[in-house]
Protein backbone atom coordinates (compact mmCIF):
# COMPACT_ATOMS: atom_id res chain seq x y z
CA MET A 1 4.62 15.60 31.03
CA SER A 2 5.76 19.50 33.12
CA ARG A 3 9.00 20.36 34.00
CA PRO A 4 9.53 19.14 37.80
CA THR A 5 9.07 22.82 40.29
CA ARG A 6 12.26 23.79 41.08
CA ARG A 7 13.11 23.44 45.02
CA THR A 8 13.44 26.81 46.84
CA VAL A 9 14.42 25.82 50.34
CA LEU A 10 17.89 25.93 51.68
CA GLY A 11 19.05 23.41 54.42
CA LEU A 12 20.00 25.36 57.29
CA ALA A 13 23.72 24.65 56.22
CA ALA A 14 23.52 25.83 53.00
CA ALA A 15 21.62 29.27 54.53
CA ALA A 16 24.68 29.88 56.39
CA VAL A 17 26.91 29.87 53.36
CA ALA A 18 24.30 32.11 51.58
CA GLY A 19 24.55 34.43 54.50
CA ALA A 20 27.90 34.33 54.39
CA ALA A 21 28.52 34.84 50.72
CA GLY A 22 26.47 38.18 50.98
CA LEU A 23 23.18 36.39 49.60
CA ARG A 24 19.22 36.38 51.16
CA PRO A 25 18.70 33.11 52.32
CA GLY A 26 16.75 31.82 49.43
CA VAL A 27 18.21 33.15 46.83
CA ALA A 28 20.72 31.14 46.55
CA ALA A 29 18.02 28.33 45.91
CA ALA A 30 16.31 30.24 43.26
CA SER A 31 12.96 32.34 43.01
CA ASN A 32 9.50 30.70 42.82
CA PRO A 33 8.53 29.60 38.87
CA GLY A 34 5.85 31.97 39.07
CA ARG A 35 8.07 34.90 39.48
CA ALA A 36 10.66 33.32 37.00
CA HIS A 37 7.69 32.83 34.65
CA GLY A 38 6.57 36.45 34.51
CA TRP A 39 10.12 38.28 34.66
CA ALA A 40 11.07 35.63 31.40
CA THR A 41 7.94 36.63 29.42
CA ALA A 42 8.19 40.26 30.21
CA THR A 43 11.91 40.50 29.38
CA LEU A 44 11.73 38.35 26.26
CA ALA A 45 8.69 40.83 24.80
CA ARG A 46 10.82 43.90 25.15
CA MET A 47 13.91 42.08 23.37
CA THR A 48 15.45 42.95 20.18
CA LEU A 49 16.39 40.05 17.87
CA GLU A 50 20.04 40.97 18.51
CA GLU A 51 19.65 40.35 22.28
CA LYS A 52 17.39 37.28 21.38
CA VAL A 53 20.04 35.80 19.75
CA GLY A 54 22.44 36.33 21.82
CA GLN A 55 21.11 34.31 24.66
CA LEU A 56 21.75 31.35 22.52
CA PHE A 57 25.05 32.25 22.47
CA VAL A 58 27.90 30.72 25.56
CA THR A 59 32.02 31.70 24.78
CA TYR A 60 34.64 32.25 26.22
CA ALA A 61 36.80 35.39 26.53
CA TYR A 62 40.67 36.22 27.22
CA GLY A 63 41.65 38.06 30.94
CA ALA A 64 42.01 37.84 34.36
CA THR A 65 39.55 40.81 34.50
CA ALA A 66 36.19 41.80 32.85
CA THR A 67 38.45 45.29 30.97
CA THR A 68 41.84 43.23 30.94
CA ALA A 69 43.06 44.19 26.68
CA ASP A 70 44.24 40.47 25.07
CA GLN A 71 44.77 40.32 21.36
CA ARG A 72 43.64 36.88 21.54
CA ASN A 73 40.05 38.26 22.10
CA VAL A 74 40.77 40.56 19.48
CA THR A 75 41.84 37.84 17.24
CA ALA A 76 38.91 36.05 17.80
CA TYR A 77 36.48 38.37 17.99
CA GLY A 78 37.79 41.63 16.36
CA VAL A 79 37.39 43.56 20.45
CA ALA A 80 39.75 43.47 23.18
CA THR A 81 38.55 43.05 26.61
CA PRO A 82 35.69 40.21 28.38
CA ALA A 83 32.99 43.02 28.44
CA GLU A 84 34.12 43.92 25.18
CA VAL A 85 33.16 40.16 23.71
CA VAL A 86 29.69 40.05 26.42
CA ALA A 87 28.64 43.52 24.70
CA LYS A 88 29.49 42.66 21.26
CA TYR A 89 27.42 39.35 20.95
CA LYS A 90 24.56 40.00 23.78
CA LEU A 91 26.26 36.79 25.36
CA GLY A 92 23.59 34.87 27.28
CA GLY A 93 26.23 33.19 29.20
CA VAL A 94 30.24 33.26 29.41
CA ILE A 95 32.16 29.65 30.48
CA TYR A 96 35.65 29.78 32.31
CA PHE A 97 38.95 28.01 32.18
CA ALA A 98 42.48 27.87 32.79
CA TRP A 99 43.75 29.13 29.42
CA THR A 100 41.39 31.82 29.43
CA ASP A 101 42.69 33.58 32.47
CA SER A 102 39.93 33.37 34.21
CA VAL A 103 40.37 30.75 37.18
CA ALA A 104 43.54 32.59 38.52
CA ASN A 105 42.00 32.51 42.53
CA PRO A 106 38.89 33.04 44.08
CA PRO A 107 39.11 36.71 44.70
CA GLN A 108 40.49 37.28 41.31
CA ILE A 109 37.35 35.12 39.61
CA ALA A 110 34.94 36.91 42.24
CA ALA A 111 35.79 40.31 40.80
CA LEU A 112 35.75 39.17 37.35
CA SER A 113 32.21 37.18 37.64
CA ASN A 114 31.13 41.18 39.03
CA GLY A 115 33.03 42.53 36.14
CA LEU A 116 31.36 40.84 33.30
CA GLN A 117 27.73 40.68 34.67
CA GLN A 118 28.13 44.70 35.38
CA ALA A 119 28.75 44.27 31.48
CA SER A 120 26.24 41.91 30.29
CA LEU A 121 23.42 44.80 32.49
CA ALA A 122 24.26 47.29 30.43
CA VAL A 123 23.47 45.64 27.31
CA GLY A 124 20.57 45.84 26.46
CA GLU A 125 18.36 49.05 25.01
CA LYS A 126 15.24 48.21 27.45
CA VAL A 127 16.25 45.00 29.53
CA SER A 128 18.81 44.08 32.09
CA VAL A 129 19.73 40.38 31.42
CA PRO A 130 22.60 39.31 33.69
CA LEU A 131 25.16 36.58 32.31
CA LEU A 132 25.24 32.33 32.81
CA ILE A 133 28.33 31.80 34.44
CA SER A 134 29.07 28.45 33.71
CA THR A 135 32.40 25.89 34.17
CA ASP A 136 33.07 22.56 34.33
CA GLN A 137 33.28 21.78 37.81
CA GLU A 138 32.62 18.02 37.87
CA HIS A 139 35.77 17.60 40.70
CA GLY A 140 38.03 14.39 40.60
CA VAL A 141 39.98 14.67 37.31
CA VAL A 142 37.95 17.52 35.89
CA PHE A 143 37.56 20.80 37.86
CA ARG A 144 37.87 24.54 36.72
CA VAL A 145 38.50 26.29 40.21
CA GLY A 146 41.53 24.52 41.61
CA PRO A 147 42.70 24.65 45.64
CA PRO A 148 42.43 26.61 47.74
CA ALA A 149 38.16 25.85 46.48
CA THR A 150 37.67 22.41 48.50
CA GLN A 151 38.58 19.64 45.80
CA PHE A 152 36.37 16.40 46.16
CA PRO A 153 37.35 13.21 44.42
CA GLY A 154 35.30 12.80 41.71
CA ALA A 155 32.48 10.38 40.46
CA MET A 156 33.47 7.24 39.99
CA ALA A 157 34.40 7.58 44.00
CA LEU A 158 31.70 8.42 45.01
CA GLY A 159 30.02 5.45 43.14
CA ALA A 160 32.92 3.20 44.80
CA GLY A 161 31.27 5.01 48.87
CA ARG A 162 27.94 4.45 47.74
CA SER A 163 26.00 7.07 49.24
CA THR A 164 24.00 9.58 47.63
CA ALA A 165 24.39 11.44 51.23
CA ASP A 166 28.15 12.04 50.02
CA ALA A 167 27.48 12.67 46.69
CA ARG A 168 24.21 15.38 47.86
CA GLU A 169 27.36 17.41 50.35
CA ALA A 170 30.00 16.85 47.86
CA ALA A 171 27.84 18.82 45.62
CA ALA A 172 26.02 21.54 48.20
CA ILE A 173 29.53 22.23 48.90
CA ALA A 174 30.86 22.64 45.47
CA GLY A 175 27.92 24.87 44.33
CA ALA A 176 28.13 27.21 46.85
CA GLU A 177 31.83 28.02 46.16
CA LEU A 178 31.02 28.44 43.56
CA ARG A 179 28.21 30.74 43.71
CA ALA A 180 30.41 32.81 45.91
CA VAL A 181 32.62 33.32 43.42
CA GLY A 182 29.80 33.98 41.25
CA VAL A 183 29.56 31.01 38.96
CA ASN A 184 26.12 30.08 38.67
CA GLN A 185 25.78 26.63 36.57
CA ALA A 186 27.94 23.89 37.02
CA TYR A 187 28.30 21.65 33.93
CA ALA A 188 27.64 18.34 36.08
CA PRO A 189 27.09 16.27 37.06
CA VAL A 190 27.98 13.38 34.21
CA ALA A 191 24.84 11.24 33.76
CA ASP A 192 27.17 8.55 31.63
CA VAL A 193 26.78 5.09 32.78
CA ASN A 194 30.51 3.79 31.86
CA VAL A 195 30.30 0.51 30.38
CA ASN A 196 32.89 0.29 28.63
CA ALA A 197 36.55 -0.05 30.35
CA LEU A 198 38.21 1.44 27.27
CA ASN A 199 36.41 4.39 26.89
CA PRO A 200 38.99 7.36 26.36
CA VAL A 201 37.06 10.33 27.19
CA ILE A 202 34.40 9.60 29.96
CA GLY A 203 36.10 7.03 32.52
CA VAL A 204 35.79 7.76 36.31
CA ARG A 205 33.96 11.33 35.28
CA SER A 206 31.13 8.39 35.52
CA PHE A 207 29.60 7.25 38.72
CA SER A 208 29.39 3.55 37.36
CA SER A 209 28.65 0.92 35.37
CA ASP A 210 25.36 0.24 37.20
CA PRO A 211 22.36 2.57 35.93
CA THR A 212 21.01 2.54 38.65
CA LEU A 213 23.47 3.94 40.95
CA VAL A 214 24.90 6.75 38.28
CA ALA A 215 20.66 7.72 38.49
CA ASP A 216 20.92 7.97 42.41
CA LEU A 217 23.68 9.24 42.76
CA THR A 218 23.04 11.67 39.16
CA ALA A 219 20.04 12.97 40.88
CA ALA A 220 21.48 13.41 44.49
CA GLN A 221 23.94 15.66 42.89
CA VAL A 222 21.29 17.53 40.95
CA THR A 223 19.88 18.27 44.45
CA GLY A 224 23.14 19.15 45.97
CA LEU A 225 23.99 21.44 43.38
CA GLU A 226 20.60 23.75 43.04
CA SER A 227 18.72 23.30 46.47
CA GLY A 228 22.31 23.43 48.65
CA GLY A 229 24.44 24.85 46.52
CA GLY A 230 22.15 27.39 44.77
CA ILE A 231 22.96 27.66 41.30
CA ALA A 232 21.88 25.30 37.82
CA SER A 233 23.53 21.99 36.89
CA CYS A 234 23.83 20.76 33.72
CA ALA A 235 23.57 16.58 33.25
CA LYS A 236 25.94 15.37 30.45
CA HIS A 237 26.45 13.98 27.61
CA PHE A 238 23.01 13.09 26.57
CA PRO A 239 21.87 10.56 25.10
CA GLY A 240 24.90 9.12 26.84
CA HIS A 241 28.42 8.83 26.50
CA GLY A 242 29.75 6.13 28.25
CA ASP A 243 30.12 2.80 25.58
CA THR A 244 32.29 4.41 23.56
CA HIS A 245 35.54 3.91 22.03
CA ASP A 246 35.93 7.09 20.31
CA ASP A 247 36.84 10.05 21.85
CA SER A 248 34.09 13.05 20.73
CA HIS A 249 36.85 16.05 20.88
CA THR A 250 38.92 13.92 18.16
CA ALA A 251 35.92 12.49 15.96
CA LEU A 252 32.64 11.21 15.88
CA PRO A 253 31.78 8.33 18.09
CA THR A 254 29.37 5.77 17.11
CA ILE A 255 27.07 4.21 20.04
CA ASP A 256 25.61 0.51 18.90
CA HIS A 257 23.31 -0.04 21.57
CA THR A 258 19.65 -0.99 20.36
CA LEU A 259 16.59 0.98 21.44
CA GLN A 260 16.03 -1.46 24.45
CA GLU A 261 19.71 -1.44 25.08
CA TRP A 262 20.09 2.64 25.67
CA THR A 263 16.39 2.65 27.53
CA THR A 264 17.72 0.86 30.02
CA ILE A 265 21.50 1.48 30.23
CA ASP A 266 21.71 4.82 29.38
CA ALA A 267 18.23 7.17 29.80
CA PRO A 268 17.72 6.40 33.64
CA PRO A 269 20.22 8.43 34.96
CA PHE A 270 18.55 11.04 33.01
CA GLU A 271 15.86 10.10 33.73
CA ALA A 272 16.34 10.73 37.53
CA ALA A 273 17.91 14.04 37.01
CA ILE A 274 14.57 15.14 35.07
CA LYS A 275 12.30 14.33 38.22
CA ALA A 276 15.18 15.72 40.32
CA GLY A 277 14.45 18.90 38.24
CA ILE A 278 17.81 19.76 36.45
CA ASP A 279 18.37 22.95 35.17
CA SER A 280 20.11 21.89 32.02
CA ILE A 281 21.00 19.14 29.81
CA MET A 282 24.06 19.22 27.74
CA THR A 283 24.41 16.91 24.59
CA ALA A 284 26.71 14.42 23.11
CA HIS A 285 28.49 14.62 19.76
CA ILE A 286 27.95 10.83 19.46
CA VAL A 287 26.14 9.33 16.66
CA VAL A 288 23.24 6.48 18.52
CA PRO A 289 21.52 5.48 14.73
CA SER A 290 18.94 3.23 17.25
CA LEU A 291 17.61 6.80 18.30
CA ASP A 292 18.70 8.56 14.61
CA PRO A 293 19.37 6.09 11.78
CA SER A 294 20.12 9.63 9.80
CA GLY A 295 24.33 9.33 11.41
CA GLU A 296 23.55 12.79 12.25
CA PRO A 297 24.99 13.59 15.99
CA ALA A 298 22.68 13.75 19.16
CA THR A 299 23.98 17.81 18.91
CA LEU A 300 22.57 17.75 15.72
CA SER A 301 19.34 15.36 15.90
CA LYS A 302 15.77 16.96 16.55
CA PRO A 303 14.63 12.77 16.59
CA ILE A 304 17.16 12.84 19.31
CA LEU A 305 16.44 16.43 20.99
CA THR A 306 12.70 17.01 20.47
CA GLY A 307 11.47 13.75 19.54
CA ILE A 308 12.88 12.02 22.70
CA LEU A 309 14.01 14.77 25.16
CA ARG A 310 11.61 16.91 25.22
CA GLU A 311 8.07 15.27 24.01
CA GLN A 312 9.09 11.62 25.32
CA LEU A 313 11.32 12.17 28.66
CA GLY A 314 8.75 15.54 29.17
CA TYR A 315 12.13 17.49 29.52
CA ASP A 316 11.51 21.42 29.27
CA GLY A 317 14.79 23.00 30.80
CA VAL A 318 17.61 24.44 28.94
CA VAL A 319 19.72 22.11 26.51
CA ILE A 320 23.12 23.07 25.64
CA THR A 321 25.93 21.65 23.37
CA ASP A 322 28.82 20.11 23.89
CA SER A 323 31.64 22.30 22.84
CA LEU A 324 31.20 23.10 19.32
CA ALA A 325 34.97 22.90 18.63
CA MET A 326 35.10 19.46 19.08
CA ALA A 327 35.78 17.45 15.99
CA GLY A 328 32.44 15.27 16.57
CA VAL A 329 29.84 17.81 16.03
CA ARG A 330 31.85 19.34 12.81
CA GLN A 331 32.84 16.86 10.55
CA LYS A 332 29.46 17.39 8.14
CA TYR A 333 28.85 20.93 8.29
CA GLY A 334 30.49 24.10 8.52
CA ASP A 335 30.01 26.13 11.80
CA ALA A 336 27.06 28.51 10.35
CA GLU A 337 25.42 25.37 9.79
CA VAL A 338 26.28 23.75 12.80
CA ALA A 339 24.55 26.70 14.89
CA VAL A 340 21.54 26.81 12.75
CA ARG A 341 20.78 23.13 12.48
CA ALA A 342 21.51 23.15 16.73
CA ILE A 343 19.01 24.95 17.18
CA GLU A 344 16.49 23.95 14.61
CA ALA A 345 17.35 19.93 16.52
CA GLY A 346 16.29 21.49 19.91
CA CYS A 347 19.08 22.78 21.68
CA ASP A 348 18.78 26.29 23.07
CA GLN A 349 22.25 27.16 23.69
CA LEU A 350 25.35 26.71 21.67
CA LEU A 351 28.61 26.71 23.97
CA MET A 352 32.10 27.63 22.47
CA SER A 353 31.17 28.67 18.86
CA PRO A 354 34.84 28.57 17.22
CA ALA A 355 33.99 31.57 14.60
CA MET A 356 31.25 33.41 16.64
CA ASP A 357 30.96 36.08 14.03
CA VAL A 358 29.77 33.32 11.92
CA ALA A 359 27.60 31.02 14.39
CA TYR A 360 26.11 34.65 15.62
CA ASN A 361 25.73 35.92 12.13
CA ALA A 362 23.93 32.56 10.62
CA VAL A 363 21.79 32.24 13.27
CA LEU A 364 20.34 35.93 12.95
CA ALA A 365 20.14 35.25 9.28
CA ALA A 366 18.12 31.96 9.88
CA VAL A 367 15.16 33.54 12.02
CA ARG A 368 14.96 36.67 9.58
CA SER A 369 14.67 34.19 6.18
CA GLY A 370 12.37 32.33 8.43
CA ARG A 371 14.21 29.36 8.47
CA ILE A 372 13.68 29.54 12.69
CA THR A 373 10.49 30.78 13.09
CA GLU A 374 10.74 33.71 15.71
CA GLN A 375 8.29 31.80 17.68
CA ARG A 376 11.00 28.75 18.05
CA LEU A 377 13.77 31.34 18.85
CA ASP A 378 11.30 32.35 21.52
CA GLN A 379 10.80 29.02 23.10
CA SER A 380 14.52 29.03 23.22
CA VAL A 381 14.95 32.08 25.07
CA TYR A 382 12.23 32.07 27.08
CA ARG A 383 14.14 28.90 29.06
CA VAL A 384 17.35 31.08 29.43
CA LEU A 385 15.93 33.49 30.64
CA ARG A 386 13.44 31.45 33.42
CA LEU A 387 16.55 29.79 33.79
CA LYS A 388 18.49 32.70 34.89
CA HIS A 389 16.10 34.08 37.10
CA LEU A 390 15.83 30.66 39.01
CA ASN A 391 18.70 30.18 39.91
CA GLY A 392 18.61 33.74 41.53
CA VAL A 393 21.30 35.25 39.42
CA VAL A 394 18.73 38.23 38.29
CA ASP A 395 17.57 38.82 41.85
CA GLU A 396 21.59 38.91 42.93
CA PRO A 397 23.93 38.88 39.67
CA LEU A 398 27.00 40.09 41.69
CA VAL A 399 29.07 38.55 44.60
CA ASN A 400 30.26 40.39 47.77
CA LEU A 401 33.88 40.40 47.31
CA ALA A 402 35.14 40.63 50.94
CA ALA A 403 32.67 37.49 51.69
CA VAL A 404 34.51 35.30 49.68
CA SER A 405 36.99 33.35 51.62
CA SER A 406 34.54 32.69 54.36
CA VAL A 407 32.62 30.29 52.22
CA VAL A 408 35.66 29.04 49.49
CA GLY A 409 37.77 26.59 50.99
CA THR A 410 37.04 26.80 54.93
CA PRO A 411 38.17 23.88 56.70
CA GLU A 412 34.45 22.75 57.47
CA HIS A 413 34.44 22.37 53.76
CA TYR A 414 37.89 20.64 53.24
CA ALA A 415 36.82 18.45 56.50
CA ALA A 416 33.40 16.98 54.53
CA ALA A 417 35.65 16.81 51.74
CA GLN A 418 38.23 13.89 53.60
CA ARG A 419 35.14 12.37 55.03
CA ILE A 420 33.51 11.44 51.91
CA ALA A 421 37.25 10.48 50.24
CA ASP A 422 37.36 7.91 53.45
CA ARG A 423 34.73 6.14 52.34
CA THR A 424 36.08 5.75 48.86
CA THR A 425 39.16 4.34 48.77
CA THR A 426 38.82 0.25 47.32
CA VAL A 427 41.26 -2.51 48.18
CA VAL A 428 41.08 -4.63 45.52
CA LYS A 429 44.14 -7.50 46.44
CA ASN A 430 45.62 -8.28 49.41
CA GLU A 431 46.79 -11.59 48.22
CA ALA A 432 50.47 -11.17 49.86
CA ASN A 433 48.65 -9.67 53.49
CA LEU A 434 50.73 -6.42 53.51
CA LEU A 435 47.88 -4.29 54.60
CA PRO A 436 47.73 -2.71 56.69
CA LEU A 437 51.21 -1.54 57.37
CA SER A 438 52.52 -2.36 60.67
CA ALA A 439 53.36 0.68 62.66
CA GLY A 440 57.29 1.72 62.61
CA SER A 441 59.55 2.96 60.40
CA ARG A 442 60.60 1.82 57.30
CA LYS A 443 61.87 3.56 53.91
CA VAL A 444 60.17 3.74 51.00
CA LEU A 445 59.53 4.65 47.58
CA VAL A 446 57.27 6.95 46.14
CA THR A 447 56.78 6.81 42.36
CA GLY A 448 55.02 6.60 38.95
CA TYR A 449 52.41 9.03 37.96
CA GLY A 450 51.79 12.97 39.05
CA VAL A 451 54.66 15.30 40.10
CA ALA A 452 52.17 16.49 42.78
CA THR A 453 50.39 13.60 43.68
CA THR A 454 53.79 11.33 44.39
CA GLN A 455 54.99 14.57 46.63
CA THR A 456 51.46 14.38 48.45
CA LEU A 457 51.64 10.74 49.22
CA ALA A 458 55.36 10.61 50.05
CA ASN A 459 54.10 13.81 52.77
CA ARG A 460 51.52 12.20 53.89
CA LEU A 461 53.29 8.53 54.56
CA THR A 462 55.94 10.55 56.02
CA ALA A 463 54.10 12.38 58.47
CA ARG A 464 53.47 8.57 59.48
CA GLY A 465 57.04 7.80 60.10
CA ALA A 466 58.02 6.51 56.72
CA THR A 467 61.75 7.82 55.22
CA THR A 468 60.31 8.62 51.63
CA THR A 469 61.78 8.83 48.47
CA VAL A 470 60.07 10.53 45.10
CA ARG A 471 60.96 9.70 41.89
CA GLN A 472 57.75 11.17 39.79
CA THR A 473 57.60 8.72 35.90
CA GLY A 474 54.24 10.31 34.83
CA ALA A 475 52.21 9.04 32.18
CA THR A 476 54.97 7.92 30.00
CA PRO A 477 58.09 6.52 31.65
CA SER A 478 60.75 7.03 29.49
CA ASP A 479 63.18 3.42 30.04
CA THR A 480 66.26 5.83 31.84
CA ALA A 481 63.04 6.81 34.11
CA ILE A 482 61.88 3.37 34.85
CA ALA A 483 65.36 1.87 35.30
CA GLY A 484 66.37 4.74 38.41
CA ALA A 485 62.82 3.93 39.78
CA VAL A 486 63.58 0.06 39.51
CA ALA A 487 67.05 0.92 41.44
CA ALA A 488 65.56 3.21 43.73
CA ALA A 489 63.02 0.24 44.61
CA ARG A 490 65.82 -2.19 45.86
CA ALA A 491 67.43 0.44 47.63
CA ASN A 492 63.76 1.13 50.13
CA ASP A 493 62.22 -1.40 51.96
CA LEU A 494 58.41 -0.99 50.07
CA THR A 495 57.42 0.30 47.18
CA VAL A 496 54.55 2.69 46.11
CA VAL A 497 53.58 2.91 42.34
CA LEU A 498 50.36 5.16 40.88
CA THR A 499 49.13 4.65 37.88
CA MET A 500 47.39 6.58 35.49
CA LYS A 501 44.97 5.32 32.60
CA ALA A 502 48.45 2.42 32.54
CA TRP A 503 45.76 0.46 30.16
CA ASP A 504 45.21 3.40 27.50
CA THR A 505 48.12 1.81 25.26
CA ALA A 506 45.77 4.14 22.45
CA VAL A 507 46.40 7.81 23.89
CA THR A 508 47.45 8.14 27.11
CA ASP A 509 50.69 5.98 27.05
CA LYS A 510 51.33 4.67 23.62
CA GLN A 511 54.31 2.21 24.14
CA GLY A 512 52.22 0.61 27.45
CA LYS A 513 55.38 2.33 29.53
CA GLN A 514 53.41 2.32 32.76
CA GLN A 515 52.68 -1.15 32.35
CA LYS A 516 56.60 -2.08 31.88
CA LEU A 517 57.65 0.28 35.25
CA VAL A 518 55.11 -1.69 37.25
CA LYS A 519 55.90 -5.33 35.93
CA GLU A 520 59.99 -4.45 36.62
CA LEU A 521 59.21 -3.16 40.05
CA LEU A 522 57.86 -6.26 40.70
CA ALA A 523 60.51 -8.69 39.32
CA THR A 524 62.62 -6.69 42.17
CA GLY A 525 60.85 -9.11 44.50
CA LYS A 526 61.08 -6.21 47.63
CA PRO A 527 57.08 -5.64 48.66
CA VAL A 528 55.44 -3.22 45.93
CA ILE A 529 52.06 -1.88 46.27
CA VAL A 530 50.25 -0.83 43.31
CA VAL A 531 47.67 2.05 43.57
CA ALA A 532 45.52 3.36 40.32
CA VAL A 533 44.68 6.96 40.71
CA ARG A 534 42.40 7.11 38.28
CA ASP A 535 40.59 4.33 36.07
CA PRO A 536 40.36 1.21 38.22
CA TYR A 537 41.21 -1.31 34.99
CA ASP A 538 44.72 -0.65 35.21
CA ILE A 539 45.05 -4.35 37.17
CA ALA A 540 44.54 -6.37 34.62
CA TYR A 541 47.27 -5.22 33.04
CA PHE A 542 50.07 -6.71 35.61
CA THR A 543 47.77 -9.36 36.88
CA ALA A 544 50.64 -10.22 39.14
CA ALA A 545 50.32 -7.50 41.38
CA PRO A 546 49.70 -9.11 44.87
CA THR A 547 48.54 -5.65 46.43
CA TYR A 548 46.53 -2.69 44.28
CA LEU A 549 43.88 -0.11 45.47
CA ALA A 550 42.02 2.14 43.42
CA THR A 551 41.67 5.46 44.56
CA TYR A 552 39.97 7.13 40.99
CA SER A 553 40.79 10.09 42.16
CA TYR A 554 44.65 12.05 42.61
CA ALA A 555 42.79 14.87 44.63
CA ASP A 556 44.73 15.71 48.03
CA VAL A 557 41.75 13.92 49.97
CA SER A 558 42.58 10.88 47.67
CA MET A 559 46.11 10.63 49.05
CA GLU A 560 45.07 10.90 52.40
CA SER A 561 42.78 8.57 52.10
CA LEU A 562 45.17 6.52 50.88
CA ALA A 563 47.44 6.88 53.24
CA LYS A 564 44.55 5.99 56.05
CA VAL A 565 43.83 2.87 54.49
CA LEU A 566 47.73 1.64 53.88
CA TYR A 567 48.38 2.32 57.77
CA GLY A 568 45.16 0.74 58.51
CA GLU A 569 43.69 4.08 60.32
CA ILE A 570 40.28 3.56 58.41
CA LYS A 571 39.25 0.46 57.24
CA PRO A 572 38.39 0.51 53.42
CA ALA A 573 35.17 0.84 52.83
CA GLY A 574 34.98 1.54 48.72
CA LYS A 575 33.65 -0.83 46.39
CA LEU A 576 34.04 -1.47 42.98
CA PRO A 577 31.63 1.14 40.83
CA VAL A 578 32.11 -1.21 37.72
CA ASP A 579 33.39 -4.23 36.42
CA VAL A 580 36.92 -5.00 35.93
CA PRO A 581 37.57 -7.03 32.45
CA VAL A 582 40.51 -9.16 31.64
CA ALA A 583 42.86 -7.41 29.38
CA GLY A 584 41.67 -8.06 25.63
CA ASP A 585 38.53 -9.47 26.82
CA PRO A 586 36.04 -7.30 27.67
CA SER A 587 33.10 -10.10 28.10
CA THR A 588 35.32 -11.23 30.66
CA VAL A 589 35.05 -10.09 33.77
CA LEU A 590 38.08 -9.81 36.07
CA TYR A 591 36.90 -8.38 39.55
CA PRO A 592 33.73 -7.67 39.35
CA PHE A 593 30.90 -4.74 40.27
CA GLY A 594 30.45 -4.33 44.40
CA HIS A 595 34.10 -6.53 44.87
CA GLY A 596 36.29 -4.91 47.93
CA LEU A 597 38.81 -6.05 50.62
CA THR A 598 38.64 -4.33 54.29
CA TRP A 599 39.48 -5.77 57.40
């Protein structure tokens, strides 16, 4: 089974975005596969061994510009500036984070991207190869490029909306805005099927617990990012991270799905992504005994990455590891051995090795010794080079700095994000018939999770005539904060309390203080509206709440949508994209997939 041909035609709207960004219409979408193959083959033949090995690595560098000297770079890499990090390892890619000072604002990001691309193009002895510049731009609760870039409500909210068109449009806009600032690969969409309500790491990052819905929305976002946005997409986390009690950042989870369960639950979204022409797939640091009984994490498993992903599913795009700094992949081997074993398993790129000198030299030594054949090395380098040509970065490595503001965070993009968010808010309970709120003035307390989130919602309610008081209590409210909120609730006509993973007493809120806050607010006898602004599962832990909504997101557009629903300006349209189980009894459904009230 050969890899499907990459789409090469932009829609009219995407073409306009590309033109505004200083790109030729069509360049942002891709080169044709024939040209990509020719360039990749010719370039590969002229590369040194060191240059080839460099293409296998993607890491971060500290600094707001390519020439910013930062002691953290010296400590990690032995050189001072991001440009020098690129040059030292002849990097295939760079990843952006806020904590690396990479994403302060769109003009800064664009200038950094151009500086890093210029550094990369100057590296080769006989070739000029641009970078893949990547970031985790899932939207919802995981994003790196923030406002004024357009913020969408995220995967599970899209699952609640059920619209492939909305998923595709959100991805196309997100991709176009990333492309405008020089980011040419998004580590999205999340293709995991969140069938475990106690999953600590995926949750609302997943579209749904239904494999078909996840597959449909995954394919839609692949198309949106690649054909509409003109950047590479990356489905994650293969072979599926949706049913785990453990977080692979801190542990090595085991997925106990049978082969049949994996085939029917976890595989369909990745199969749909491959059919849609996905550019890259990210591995999961998880053990799946039914797929590989050796106990190796999938990232290091040849039966999973080569046997299943490559041979069984027919995927020939780029496979990139999840971060190699995560505990899930470092439990059995040192950083040198992990890097070599990942390539042996079938990975093409190694993300964020915590010891770059060690990992780079280990792979170089493995090739020189014959442990990794040069033919195997060339397979991966060819895929990386081909991807760079397919997503247009070889033809257009630099972005137009003057055009950034005409693409990123435009009124049209904001309006689209709001339209999409308005179709996602879910009313789960309205037993007191409190909603929609009647017109007229009232005193409203907004409390619970999020300094910005509570204030944003309060502002939206104030704009609708309410007199609001804000008492933000966070994800782990203190007893003093709870008492203050309860006292304020008694002095107001209505309370809106926002919860964020109130179910998670293992990591997020170990003492269950969010649950205590909600129960004490309910005990005042005053009307209370409970809103889960992340996982919808919270209602299972305070079932006495008569009025409960889920937004799946605390983005500004989600708070505006919430206000519209509360006041009856729009009819609630979101349907639960997951089963909400009874607390302590995951096999018993409290509110089923598809539940959602309207009026």
